[in-house]
Amino acid sequence: MRRWSFLIPIIYLFGLAVYIGVYTLINLAVDFLFVTLTPPAIVITLLPLGLWVLGSVTYYKNKKAARYARSFLIGGLAFGMLVTSYSVYKITGNELNSHFDAERWASEPSSRMVMVDHMLDRHKLKGRSPEEVHVLLGSPSQEVKEPQHQLSYYLGGAGFFSMKEALLVISFDQGQVSDYDIAYH
């Protein structure tokens, strides 16, 4: 066993590299998919840390590599907490940015795509007058009066890999919102 003890740090470092790779993929998914704070997102974020700690404790307990166990376990746990904290920070930031804010909607058209779902959930548009929509969302990107009164608000790119742009199209009938849709072109 002593002949091969030099492999313990190498195996540990390989495991650490795999762990870093997994968290890199998680952080890419958080960015590209705009993951917000949900129970599945928290579980997926914390799962690699739990597996890393469990694997480290089990490995060192079974191998009785006491010489390396304490420093690697403490260092790995500290590093894992740091990486996990960064992922949770990004998810929390996404959650906060997804909340509708009328000022930000008006001043930052590029952030509208991440706010539109929250806005549609919290502020029912159907039945509102054009003036009420203007107060809530500000000036539209485009207004069409004929054949049907419509307001269009630019939302931004439809996705990371998509070249299409999205618009929130609000249709009026008899002076009230009758329908709304997110259109891609």
N, C-alpha and C. Protein backbone atom coordinates (compact mmCIF):
# COMPACT_ATOMS: atom_id res chain seq x y z
N MET A 1 0.83 -1.19 0.00
CA MET A 1 0.00 0.00 0.00
C MET A 1 0.87 1.25 0.00
N ARG A 2 1.96 1.25 0.72
CA ARG A 2 2.81 2.44 0.80
C ARG A 2 3.42 2.80 -0.55
N ARG A 3 3.70 1.79 -1.39
CA ARG A 3 4.27 2.07 -2.70
C ARG A 3 3.33 2.93 -3.53
N TRP A 4 2.07 2.72 -3.37
CA TRP A 4 1.08 3.41 -4.19
C TRP A 4 0.49 4.64 -3.49
N SER A 5 0.96 4.97 -2.33
CA SER A 5 0.38 6.10 -1.60
C SER A 5 0.56 7.43 -2.32
N PHE A 6 1.56 7.52 -3.20
CA PHE A 6 1.73 8.76 -3.96
C PHE A 6 0.56 9.01 -4.92
N LEU A 7 -0.20 7.95 -5.22
CA LEU A 7 -1.35 8.10 -6.12
C LEU A 7 -2.55 8.77 -5.46
N ILE A 8 -2.59 8.76 -4.14
CA ILE A 8 -3.74 9.33 -3.43
C ILE A 8 -3.94 10.80 -3.81
N PRO A 9 -2.91 11.65 -3.75
CA PRO A 9 -3.14 13.04 -4.15
C PRO A 9 -3.50 13.17 -5.63
N ILE A 10 -2.95 12.32 -6.48
CA ILE A 10 -3.26 12.38 -7.91
C ILE A 10 -4.72 12.03 -8.15
N ILE A 11 -5.19 10.98 -7.50
CA ILE A 11 -6.60 10.58 -7.63
C ILE A 11 -7.50 11.69 -7.10
N TYR A 12 -7.10 12.27 -5.98
CA TYR A 12 -7.88 13.35 -5.39
C TYR A 12 -7.93 14.54 -6.34
N LEU A 13 -6.81 14.90 -6.93
CA LEU A 13 -6.77 16.03 -7.86
C LEU A 13 -7.58 15.74 -9.12
N PHE A 14 -7.57 14.49 -9.58
CA PHE A 14 -8.40 14.11 -10.72
C PHE A 14 -9.89 14.29 -10.36
N GLY A 15 -10.25 13.83 -9.18
CA GLY A 15 -11.64 14.02 -8.72
C GLY A 15 -11.99 15.49 -8.62
N LEU A 16 -11.05 16.29 -8.16
CA LEU A 16 -11.26 17.73 -8.06
C LEU A 16 -11.46 18.34 -9.45
N ALA A 17 -10.69 17.88 -10.43
CA ALA A 17 -10.83 18.38 -11.80
C ALA A 17 -12.21 18.02 -12.36
N VAL A 18 -12.68 16.81 -12.10
CA VAL A 18 -14.02 16.41 -12.54
C VAL A 18 -15.07 17.28 -11.86
N TYR A 19 -14.88 17.52 -10.58
CA TYR A 19 -15.80 18.36 -9.80
C TYR A 19 -15.85 19.77 -10.39
N ILE A 20 -14.71 20.34 -10.72
CA ILE A 20 -14.65 21.68 -11.33
C ILE A 20 -15.34 21.66 -12.69
N GLY A 21 -15.13 20.60 -13.46
CA GLY A 21 -15.79 20.48 -14.76
C GLY A 21 -17.30 20.44 -14.64
N VAL A 22 -17.80 19.70 -13.66
CA VAL A 22 -19.25 19.62 -13.44
C VAL A 22 -19.79 21.01 -13.10
N TYR A 23 -19.12 21.72 -12.21
CA TYR A 23 -19.60 23.05 -11.84
C TYR A 23 -19.46 24.05 -12.98
N THR A 24 -18.48 23.87 -13.83
CA THR A 24 -18.38 24.73 -15.02
C THR A 24 -19.59 24.52 -15.91
N LEU A 25 -19.98 23.27 -16.11
CA LEU A 25 -21.18 22.97 -16.91
C LEU A 25 -22.44 23.53 -16.25
N ILE A 26 -22.52 23.42 -14.92
CA ILE A 26 -23.68 23.96 -14.21
C ILE A 26 -23.75 25.47 -14.40
N ASN A 27 -22.61 26.16 -14.28
CA ASN A 27 -22.61 27.61 -14.43
C ASN A 27 -22.92 28.04 -15.86
N LEU A 28 -22.47 27.27 -16.84
CA LEU A 28 -22.84 27.56 -18.23
C LEU A 28 -24.35 27.41 -18.43
N ALA A 29 -24.91 26.36 -17.84
CA ALA A 29 -26.36 26.16 -17.94
C ALA A 29 -27.11 27.30 -17.25
N VAL A 30 -26.61 27.75 -16.11
CA VAL A 30 -27.24 28.87 -15.39
C VAL A 30 -27.26 30.11 -16.29
N ASP A 31 -26.15 30.37 -16.99
CA ASP A 31 -26.07 31.54 -17.87
C ASP A 31 -26.95 31.39 -19.11
N PHE A 32 -26.81 30.28 -19.81
CA PHE A 32 -27.51 30.12 -21.09
C PHE A 32 -29.00 29.91 -20.93
N LEU A 33 -29.40 29.19 -19.90
CA LEU A 33 -30.82 28.89 -19.70
C LEU A 33 -31.49 29.86 -18.75
N PHE A 34 -30.74 30.81 -18.22
CA PHE A 34 -31.23 31.80 -17.26
C PHE A 34 -32.01 31.11 -16.14
N VAL A 35 -31.32 30.20 -15.46
CA VAL A 35 -31.92 29.43 -14.37
C VAL A 35 -32.20 30.35 -13.19
N THR A 36 -33.40 30.24 -12.63
CA THR A 36 -33.77 31.04 -11.46
C THR A 36 -33.88 30.14 -10.24
N LEU A 37 -34.15 30.76 -9.12
CA LEU A 37 -34.15 30.07 -7.83
C LEU A 37 -35.39 29.18 -7.69
N THR A 38 -35.20 27.88 -7.95
CA THR A 38 -36.26 26.90 -7.81
C THR A 38 -35.68 25.70 -7.06
N PRO A 39 -36.53 24.88 -6.44
CA PRO A 39 -36.00 23.71 -5.74
C PRO A 39 -35.13 22.80 -6.62
N PRO A 40 -35.52 22.49 -7.87
CA PRO A 40 -34.62 21.65 -8.68
C PRO A 40 -33.26 22.32 -8.94
N ALA A 41 -33.26 23.63 -9.13
CA ALA A 41 -31.99 24.33 -9.38
C ALA A 41 -31.08 24.24 -8.16
N ILE A 42 -31.65 24.36 -6.97
CA ILE A 42 -30.85 24.27 -5.74
C ILE A 42 -30.32 22.85 -5.57
N VAL A 43 -31.16 21.85 -5.81
CA VAL A 43 -30.71 20.45 -5.67
C VAL A 43 -29.58 20.16 -6.65
N ILE A 44 -29.75 20.56 -7.91
CA ILE A 44 -28.72 20.31 -8.91
C ILE A 44 -27.43 21.04 -8.57
N THR A 45 -27.54 22.22 -7.98
CA THR A 45 -26.35 22.98 -7.61
C THR A 45 -25.64 22.37 -6.41
N LEU A 46 -26.39 21.88 -5.44
CA LEU A 46 -25.78 21.34 -4.23
C LEU A 46 -25.37 19.87 -4.35
N LEU A 47 -25.96 19.14 -5.28
CA LEU A 47 -25.69 17.71 -5.41
C LEU A 47 -24.21 17.39 -5.62
N PRO A 48 -23.50 18.05 -6.54
CA PRO A 48 -22.08 17.71 -6.70
C PRO A 48 -21.26 17.95 -5.43
N LEU A 49 -21.59 19.00 -4.67
CA LEU A 49 -20.87 19.25 -3.42
C LEU A 49 -21.11 18.11 -2.44
N GLY A 50 -22.37 17.70 -2.31
CA GLY A 50 -22.67 16.59 -1.41
C GLY A 50 -21.98 15.30 -1.81
N LEU A 51 -21.99 15.02 -3.11
CA LEU A 51 -21.30 13.81 -3.60
C LEU A 51 -19.79 13.92 -3.40
N TRP A 52 -19.24 15.10 -3.60
CA TRP A 52 -17.80 15.32 -3.41
C TRP A 52 -17.42 15.06 -1.95
N VAL A 53 -18.17 15.63 -1.03
CA VAL A 53 -17.87 15.44 0.40
C VAL A 53 -18.06 13.98 0.78
N LEU A 54 -19.16 13.37 0.36
CA LEU A 54 -19.41 11.96 0.67
C LEU A 54 -18.31 11.07 0.10
N GLY A 55 -17.93 11.31 -1.14
CA GLY A 55 -16.87 10.53 -1.77
C GLY A 55 -15.53 10.71 -1.07
N SER A 56 -15.22 11.94 -0.70
CA SER A 56 -13.94 12.20 -0.02
C SER A 56 -13.89 11.51 1.34
N VAL A 57 -14.96 11.65 2.10
CA VAL A 57 -14.99 11.02 3.43
C VAL A 57 -14.90 9.51 3.30
N THR A 58 -15.68 8.93 2.40
CA THR A 58 -15.67 7.48 2.20
C THR A 58 -14.30 6.99 1.75
N TYR A 59 -13.71 7.67 0.80
CA TYR A 59 -12.41 7.26 0.28
C TYR A 59 -11.34 7.28 1.37
N TYR A 60 -11.28 8.36 2.08
CA TYR A 60 -10.24 8.47 3.10
C TYR A 60 -10.51 7.58 4.30
N LYS A 61 -11.77 7.34 4.60
CA LYS A 61 -12.10 6.45 5.71
C LYS A 61 -11.71 5.01 5.36
N ASN A 62 -12.03 4.58 4.15
CA ASN A 62 -11.72 3.21 3.73
C ASN A 62 -10.24 2.99 3.50
N LYS A 63 -9.56 3.95 2.95
CA LYS A 63 -8.15 3.80 2.62
C LYS A 63 -7.22 4.10 3.79
N LYS A 64 -7.79 4.67 4.83
CA LYS A 64 -7.01 5.02 6.02
C LYS A 64 -5.80 5.88 5.64
N ALA A 65 -6.02 6.79 4.75
CA ALA A 65 -4.96 7.70 4.31
C ALA A 65 -4.97 8.93 5.22
N ALA A 66 -4.77 8.70 6.48
CA ALA A 66 -4.89 9.76 7.49
C ALA A 66 -3.94 10.92 7.22
N ARG A 67 -2.82 10.63 6.64
CA ARG A 67 -1.82 11.66 6.38
C ARG A 67 -2.37 12.74 5.43
N TYR A 68 -3.17 12.33 4.47
CA TYR A 68 -3.71 13.26 3.49
C TYR A 68 -5.15 13.69 3.82
N ALA A 69 -5.83 12.86 4.55
CA ALA A 69 -7.27 13.02 4.71
C ALA A 69 -7.68 14.39 5.22
N ARG A 70 -7.11 14.82 6.30
CA ARG A 70 -7.55 16.06 6.92
C ARG A 70 -7.33 17.27 6.01
N SER A 71 -6.14 17.42 5.48
CA SER A 71 -5.86 18.60 4.66
C SER A 71 -6.66 18.58 3.36
N PHE A 72 -6.76 17.41 2.72
CA PHE A 72 -7.53 17.34 1.48
C PHE A 72 -9.01 17.55 1.74
N LEU A 73 -9.51 16.96 2.80
CA LEU A 73 -10.93 17.08 3.09
C LEU A 73 -11.30 18.53 3.41
N ILE A 74 -10.51 19.18 4.25
CA ILE A 74 -10.78 20.57 4.60
C ILE A 74 -10.61 21.48 3.39
N GLY A 75 -9.52 21.29 2.65
CA GLY A 75 -9.28 22.10 1.46
C GLY A 75 -10.35 21.89 0.40
N GLY A 76 -10.70 20.63 0.16
CA GLY A 76 -11.73 20.31 -0.83
C GLY A 76 -13.09 20.85 -0.43
N LEU A 77 -13.41 20.75 0.86
CA LEU A 77 -14.69 21.27 1.33
C LEU A 77 -14.74 22.79 1.20
N ALA A 78 -13.65 23.46 1.56
CA ALA A 78 -13.60 24.92 1.44
C ALA A 78 -13.74 25.34 -0.03
N PHE A 79 -13.01 24.66 -0.90
CA PHE A 79 -13.09 24.97 -2.32
C PHE A 79 -14.49 24.68 -2.86
N GLY A 80 -15.05 23.54 -2.46
CA GLY A 80 -16.39 23.18 -2.90
C GLY A 80 -17.44 24.18 -2.44
N MET A 81 -17.31 24.66 -1.22
CA MET A 81 -18.25 25.67 -0.71
C MET A 81 -18.13 26.96 -1.52
N LEU A 82 -16.90 27.33 -1.86
CA LEU A 82 -16.67 28.54 -2.64
C LEU A 82 -17.31 28.42 -4.03
N VAL A 83 -17.08 27.31 -4.70
CA VAL A 83 -17.64 27.10 -6.04
C VAL A 83 -19.16 27.03 -5.98
N THR A 84 -19.69 26.33 -4.99
CA THR A 84 -21.14 26.22 -4.84
C THR A 84 -21.75 27.58 -4.54
N SER A 85 -21.08 28.36 -3.69
CA SER A 85 -21.57 29.70 -3.37
C SER A 85 -21.66 30.57 -4.61
N TYR A 86 -20.68 30.45 -5.49
CA TYR A 86 -20.69 31.22 -6.73
C TYR A 86 -21.90 30.83 -7.60
N SER A 87 -22.18 29.54 -7.69
CA SER A 87 -23.32 29.08 -8.48
C SER A 87 -24.63 29.59 -7.88
N VAL A 88 -24.76 29.50 -6.57
CA VAL A 88 -25.98 29.99 -5.90
C VAL A 88 -26.11 31.50 -6.09
N TYR A 89 -24.98 32.22 -6.03
CA TYR A 89 -24.97 33.66 -6.25
C TYR A 89 -25.50 34.00 -7.65
N LYS A 90 -25.06 33.26 -8.65
CA LYS A 90 -25.52 33.50 -10.02
C LYS A 90 -27.01 33.21 -10.17
N ILE A 91 -27.47 32.12 -9.57
CA ILE A 91 -28.89 31.77 -9.65
C ILE A 91 -29.73 32.83 -8.94
N THR A 92 -29.27 33.29 -7.78
CA THR A 92 -29.99 34.33 -7.05
C THR A 92 -30.03 35.62 -7.85
N GLY A 93 -28.92 35.96 -8.50
CA GLY A 93 -28.90 37.15 -9.36
C GLY A 93 -29.89 37.03 -10.51
N ASN A 94 -29.96 35.86 -11.11
CA ASN A 94 -30.94 35.63 -12.18
C ASN A 94 -32.36 35.81 -11.66
N GLU A 95 -32.60 35.30 -10.45
CA GLU A 95 -33.93 35.43 -9.85
C GLU A 95 -34.29 36.90 -9.66
N LEU A 96 -33.37 37.68 -9.11
CA LEU A 96 -33.64 39.10 -8.87
C LEU A 96 -33.83 39.86 -10.18
N ASN A 97 -33.04 39.54 -11.20
CA ASN A 97 -33.15 40.23 -12.48
C ASN A 97 -34.42 39.86 -13.23
N SER A 98 -35.03 38.73 -12.90
CA SER A 98 -36.23 38.31 -13.61
C SER A 98 -37.49 39.01 -13.10
N HIS A 99 -37.40 39.70 -11.98
CA HIS A 99 -38.56 40.40 -11.44
C HIS A 99 -38.82 41.68 -12.23
N PHE A 100 -40.08 41.90 -12.55
CA PHE A 100 -40.46 43.07 -13.34
C PHE A 100 -40.24 44.35 -12.55
N ASP A 101 -39.61 45.31 -13.21
CA ASP A 101 -39.39 46.64 -12.66
C ASP A 101 -39.66 47.62 -13.80
N ALA A 102 -40.69 48.46 -13.64
CA ALA A 102 -41.12 49.36 -14.71
C ALA A 102 -39.99 50.28 -15.17
N GLU A 103 -39.20 50.79 -14.24
CA GLU A 103 -38.09 51.68 -14.61
C GLU A 103 -37.06 50.95 -15.45
N ARG A 104 -36.70 49.76 -15.03
CA ARG A 104 -35.70 48.98 -15.77
C ARG A 104 -36.27 48.55 -17.13
N TRP A 105 -37.57 48.21 -17.17
CA TRP A 105 -38.22 47.85 -18.43
C TRP A 105 -38.07 49.00 -19.43
N ALA A 106 -38.31 50.22 -18.96
CA ALA A 106 -38.25 51.38 -19.85
C ALA A 106 -36.82 51.76 -20.23
N SER A 107 -35.89 51.63 -19.29
CA SER A 107 -34.52 52.11 -19.54
C SER A 107 -33.59 51.06 -20.13
N GLU A 108 -33.89 49.78 -19.95
CA GLU A 108 -33.02 48.71 -20.44
C GLU A 108 -33.81 47.71 -21.28
N PRO A 109 -34.09 48.05 -22.54
CA PRO A 109 -34.87 47.12 -23.38
C PRO A 109 -34.23 45.73 -23.50
N SER A 110 -32.92 45.65 -23.37
CA SER A 110 -32.26 44.34 -23.50
C SER A 110 -32.57 43.41 -22.32
N SER A 111 -33.05 43.95 -21.21
CA SER A 111 -33.36 43.11 -20.05
C SER A 111 -34.84 42.70 -20.00
N ARG A 112 -35.60 43.12 -20.98
CA ARG A 112 -37.04 42.82 -20.98
C ARG A 112 -37.34 41.33 -21.12
N MET A 113 -36.54 40.63 -21.90
CA MET A 113 -36.80 39.21 -22.15
C MET A 113 -36.83 38.41 -20.84
N VAL A 114 -35.97 38.78 -19.89
CA VAL A 114 -35.93 38.03 -18.63
C VAL A 114 -37.03 38.47 -17.67
N MET A 115 -37.63 39.64 -17.91
CA MET A 115 -38.68 40.15 -17.03
C MET A 115 -40.09 39.86 -17.52
N VAL A 116 -40.25 39.53 -18.80
CA VAL A 116 -41.58 39.48 -19.39
C VAL A 116 -42.48 38.44 -18.72
N ASP A 117 -41.96 37.27 -18.38
CA ASP A 117 -42.80 36.24 -17.74
C ASP A 117 -43.32 36.71 -16.38
N HIS A 118 -42.44 37.31 -15.60
CA HIS A 118 -42.83 37.81 -14.29
C HIS A 118 -43.88 38.92 -14.44
N MET A 119 -43.67 39.80 -15.42
CA MET A 119 -44.61 40.89 -15.65
C MET A 119 -45.99 40.33 -16.05
N LEU A 120 -46.00 39.36 -16.94
CA LEU A 120 -47.28 38.80 -17.38
C LEU A 120 -47.99 38.04 -16.26
N ASP A 121 -47.23 37.43 -15.36
CA ASP A 121 -47.82 36.72 -14.22
C ASP A 121 -48.39 37.69 -13.19
N ARG A 122 -47.69 38.78 -12.95
CA ARG A 122 -48.06 39.71 -11.86
C ARG A 122 -49.02 40.82 -12.29
N HIS A 123 -48.95 41.23 -13.53
CA HIS A 123 -49.76 42.36 -14.01
C HIS A 123 -50.64 41.87 -15.15
N LYS A 124 -51.86 41.57 -14.82
CA LYS A 124 -52.80 41.08 -15.84
C LYS A 124 -53.05 42.18 -16.86
N LEU A 125 -52.80 41.89 -18.12
CA LEU A 125 -52.95 42.89 -19.17
C LEU A 125 -54.36 42.92 -19.75
N LYS A 126 -55.02 41.78 -19.81
CA LYS A 126 -56.35 41.73 -20.43
C LYS A 126 -57.30 42.68 -19.71
N GLY A 127 -58.01 43.46 -20.52
CA GLY A 127 -58.98 44.41 -19.98
C GLY A 127 -58.41 45.79 -19.72
N ARG A 128 -57.11 45.96 -19.83
CA ARG A 128 -56.51 47.28 -19.62
C ARG A 128 -56.67 48.15 -20.86
N SER A 129 -56.72 49.45 -20.62
CA SER A 129 -56.79 50.41 -21.73
C SER A 129 -55.38 50.66 -22.26
N PRO A 130 -55.26 51.23 -23.46
CA PRO A 130 -53.93 51.57 -23.98
C PRO A 130 -53.16 52.51 -23.04
N GLU A 131 -53.87 53.42 -22.40
CA GLU A 131 -53.22 54.35 -21.47
C GLU A 131 -52.64 53.61 -20.26
N GLU A 132 -53.39 52.64 -19.74
CA GLU A 132 -52.90 51.85 -18.61
C GLU A 132 -51.67 51.03 -19.00
N VAL A 133 -51.67 50.51 -20.21
CA VAL A 133 -50.51 49.75 -20.70
C VAL A 133 -49.31 50.69 -20.83
N HIS A 134 -49.54 51.91 -21.35
CA HIS A 134 -48.45 52.89 -21.47
C HIS A 134 -47.87 53.24 -20.10
N VAL A 135 -48.74 53.39 -19.10
CA VAL A 135 -48.26 53.71 -17.75
C VAL A 135 -47.42 52.56 -17.20
N LEU A 136 -47.86 51.33 -17.41
CA LEU A 136 -47.14 50.16 -16.90
C LEU A 136 -45.84 49.91 -17.65
N LEU A 137 -45.88 49.94 -18.98
CA LEU A 137 -44.74 49.50 -19.79
C LEU A 137 -43.99 50.63 -20.50
N GLY A 138 -44.50 51.84 -20.44
CA GLY A 138 -43.83 52.94 -21.14
C GLY A 138 -44.19 52.95 -22.61
N SER A 139 -43.43 53.72 -23.36
CA SER A 139 -43.69 53.85 -24.79
C SER A 139 -43.37 52.56 -25.52
N PRO A 140 -44.25 52.17 -26.44
CA PRO A 140 -43.99 50.93 -27.19
C PRO A 140 -42.91 51.13 -28.25
N SER A 141 -42.34 50.04 -28.68
CA SER A 141 -41.37 50.08 -29.77
C SER A 141 -42.08 50.40 -31.08
N GLN A 142 -43.33 49.95 -31.18
CA GLN A 142 -44.11 50.17 -32.40
C GLN A 142 -45.59 50.18 -32.02
N GLU A 143 -46.34 51.08 -32.67
CA GLU A 143 -47.78 51.12 -32.46
C GLU A 143 -48.47 51.09 -33.82
N VAL A 144 -49.42 50.19 -33.97
CA VAL A 144 -50.19 50.05 -35.21
C VAL A 144 -51.65 50.30 -34.87
N LYS A 145 -52.31 51.17 -35.64
CA LYS A 145 -53.72 51.49 -35.38
C LYS A 145 -54.67 50.70 -36.27
N GLU A 146 -54.25 50.38 -37.48
CA GLU A 146 -55.11 49.69 -38.44
C GLU A 146 -54.45 48.41 -38.91
N PRO A 147 -55.09 47.36 -39.20
CA PRO A 147 -56.52 47.09 -39.11
C PRO A 147 -56.97 46.87 -37.66
N GLN A 148 -56.02 46.53 -36.76
CA GLN A 148 -56.37 46.35 -35.35
C GLN A 148 -55.33 47.10 -34.54
N HIS A 149 -55.77 47.75 -33.48
CA HIS A 149 -54.85 48.50 -32.63
C HIS A 149 -53.92 47.52 -31.90
N GLN A 150 -52.61 47.69 -32.11
CA GLN A 150 -51.61 46.83 -31.46
C GLN A 150 -50.44 47.68 -30.97
N LEU A 151 -49.91 47.27 -29.83
CA LEU A 151 -48.66 47.84 -29.32
C LEU A 151 -47.62 46.72 -29.31
N SER A 152 -46.41 47.04 -29.73
CA SER A 152 -45.32 46.06 -29.72
C SER A 152 -44.18 46.58 -28.87
N TYR A 153 -43.67 45.72 -27.99
CA TYR A 153 -42.52 46.06 -27.15
C TYR A 153 -41.39 45.10 -27.47
N TYR A 154 -40.25 45.67 -27.82
CA TYR A 154 -39.06 44.87 -28.13
C TYR A 154 -38.59 44.18 -26.86
N LEU A 155 -38.36 42.86 -26.94
CA LEU A 155 -37.91 42.09 -25.78
C LEU A 155 -36.43 41.72 -25.86
N GLY A 156 -35.88 41.69 -27.04
CA GLY A 156 -34.47 41.30 -27.19
C GLY A 156 -34.35 40.00 -27.96
N GLY A 157 -33.16 39.42 -27.89
CA GLY A 157 -32.90 38.16 -28.57
C GLY A 157 -33.73 37.04 -27.99
N ALA A 158 -34.18 36.15 -28.85
CA ALA A 158 -35.08 35.07 -28.44
C ALA A 158 -34.36 33.96 -27.68
N GLY A 159 -33.08 33.91 -27.76
CA GLY A 159 -32.31 32.88 -27.06
C GLY A 159 -30.84 33.04 -27.38
N PHE A 160 -30.02 32.32 -26.66
CA PHE A 160 -28.57 32.47 -26.84
C PHE A 160 -28.12 32.06 -28.23
N PHE A 161 -28.68 30.98 -28.76
CA PHE A 161 -28.25 30.47 -30.06
C PHE A 161 -29.16 30.92 -31.20
N SER A 162 -30.22 31.64 -30.88
CA SER A 162 -31.19 32.04 -31.90
C SER A 162 -30.85 33.42 -32.46
N MET A 163 -31.07 33.59 -33.73
CA MET A 163 -30.86 34.88 -34.37
C MET A 163 -32.16 35.68 -34.41
N LYS A 164 -33.24 35.10 -33.94
CA LYS A 164 -34.54 35.77 -33.95
C LYS A 164 -34.64 36.75 -32.79
N GLU A 165 -35.50 37.73 -32.98
CA GLU A 165 -35.78 38.68 -31.92
C GLU A 165 -37.23 38.50 -31.48
N ALA A 166 -37.48 38.84 -30.22
CA ALA A 166 -38.81 38.65 -29.66
C ALA A 166 -39.49 39.99 -29.41
N LEU A 167 -40.79 40.00 -29.60
CA LEU A 167 -41.62 41.17 -29.35
C LEU A 167 -42.82 40.76 -28.51
N LEU A 168 -43.19 41.60 -27.57
CA LEU A 168 -44.46 41.43 -26.87
C LEU A 168 -45.49 42.23 -27.66
N VAL A 169 -46.44 41.53 -28.25
CA VAL A 169 -47.46 42.17 -29.08
C VAL A 169 -48.77 42.17 -28.29
N ILE A 170 -49.30 43.36 -28.05
CA ILE A 170 -50.53 43.52 -27.28
C ILE A 170 -51.62 44.02 -28.22
N SER A 171 -52.70 43.27 -28.32
CA SER A 171 -53.81 43.62 -29.23
C SER A 171 -54.97 44.17 -28.42
N PHE A 172 -55.64 45.17 -29.01
CA PHE A 172 -56.77 45.82 -28.36
C PHE A 172 -58.04 45.61 -29.18
N ASP A 173 -59.13 45.50 -28.47
CA ASP A 173 -60.45 45.44 -29.10
C ASP A 173 -61.38 46.29 -28.25
N GLN A 174 -62.02 47.26 -28.87
CA GLN A 174 -62.93 48.18 -28.18
C GLN A 174 -62.24 48.89 -27.02
N GLY A 175 -61.00 49.29 -27.23
CA GLY A 175 -60.29 50.10 -26.25
C GLY A 175 -59.73 49.34 -25.06
N GLN A 176 -59.71 48.01 -25.11
CA GLN A 176 -59.16 47.21 -24.02
C GLN A 176 -58.28 46.10 -24.59
N VAL A 177 -57.31 45.65 -23.78
CA VAL A 177 -56.45 44.55 -24.22
C VAL A 177 -57.31 43.31 -24.39
N SER A 178 -57.27 42.77 -25.59
CA SER A 178 -58.03 41.55 -25.86
C SER A 178 -57.13 40.33 -25.91
N ASP A 179 -55.85 40.56 -26.26
CA ASP A 179 -54.92 39.44 -26.39
C ASP A 179 -53.49 39.98 -26.35
N TYR A 180 -52.57 39.11 -25.99
CA TYR A 180 -51.15 39.45 -26.06
C TYR A 180 -50.39 38.17 -26.36
N ASP A 181 -49.24 38.35 -26.99
CA ASP A 181 -48.46 37.20 -27.39
C ASP A 181 -47.00 37.63 -27.54
N ILE A 182 -46.12 36.68 -27.40
CA ILE A 182 -44.71 36.93 -27.68
C ILE A 182 -44.45 36.40 -29.09
N ALA A 183 -44.10 37.32 -29.98
CA ALA A 183 -43.87 36.98 -31.38
C ALA A 183 -42.38 36.99 -31.66
N TYR A 184 -41.94 36.09 -32.52
CA TYR A 184 -40.53 35.98 -32.90
C TYR A 184 -40.39 36.27 -34.38
N HIS A 185 -39.38 37.08 -34.71
CA HIS A 185 -39.12 37.35 -36.12
C HIS A 185 -37.63 37.51 -36.36
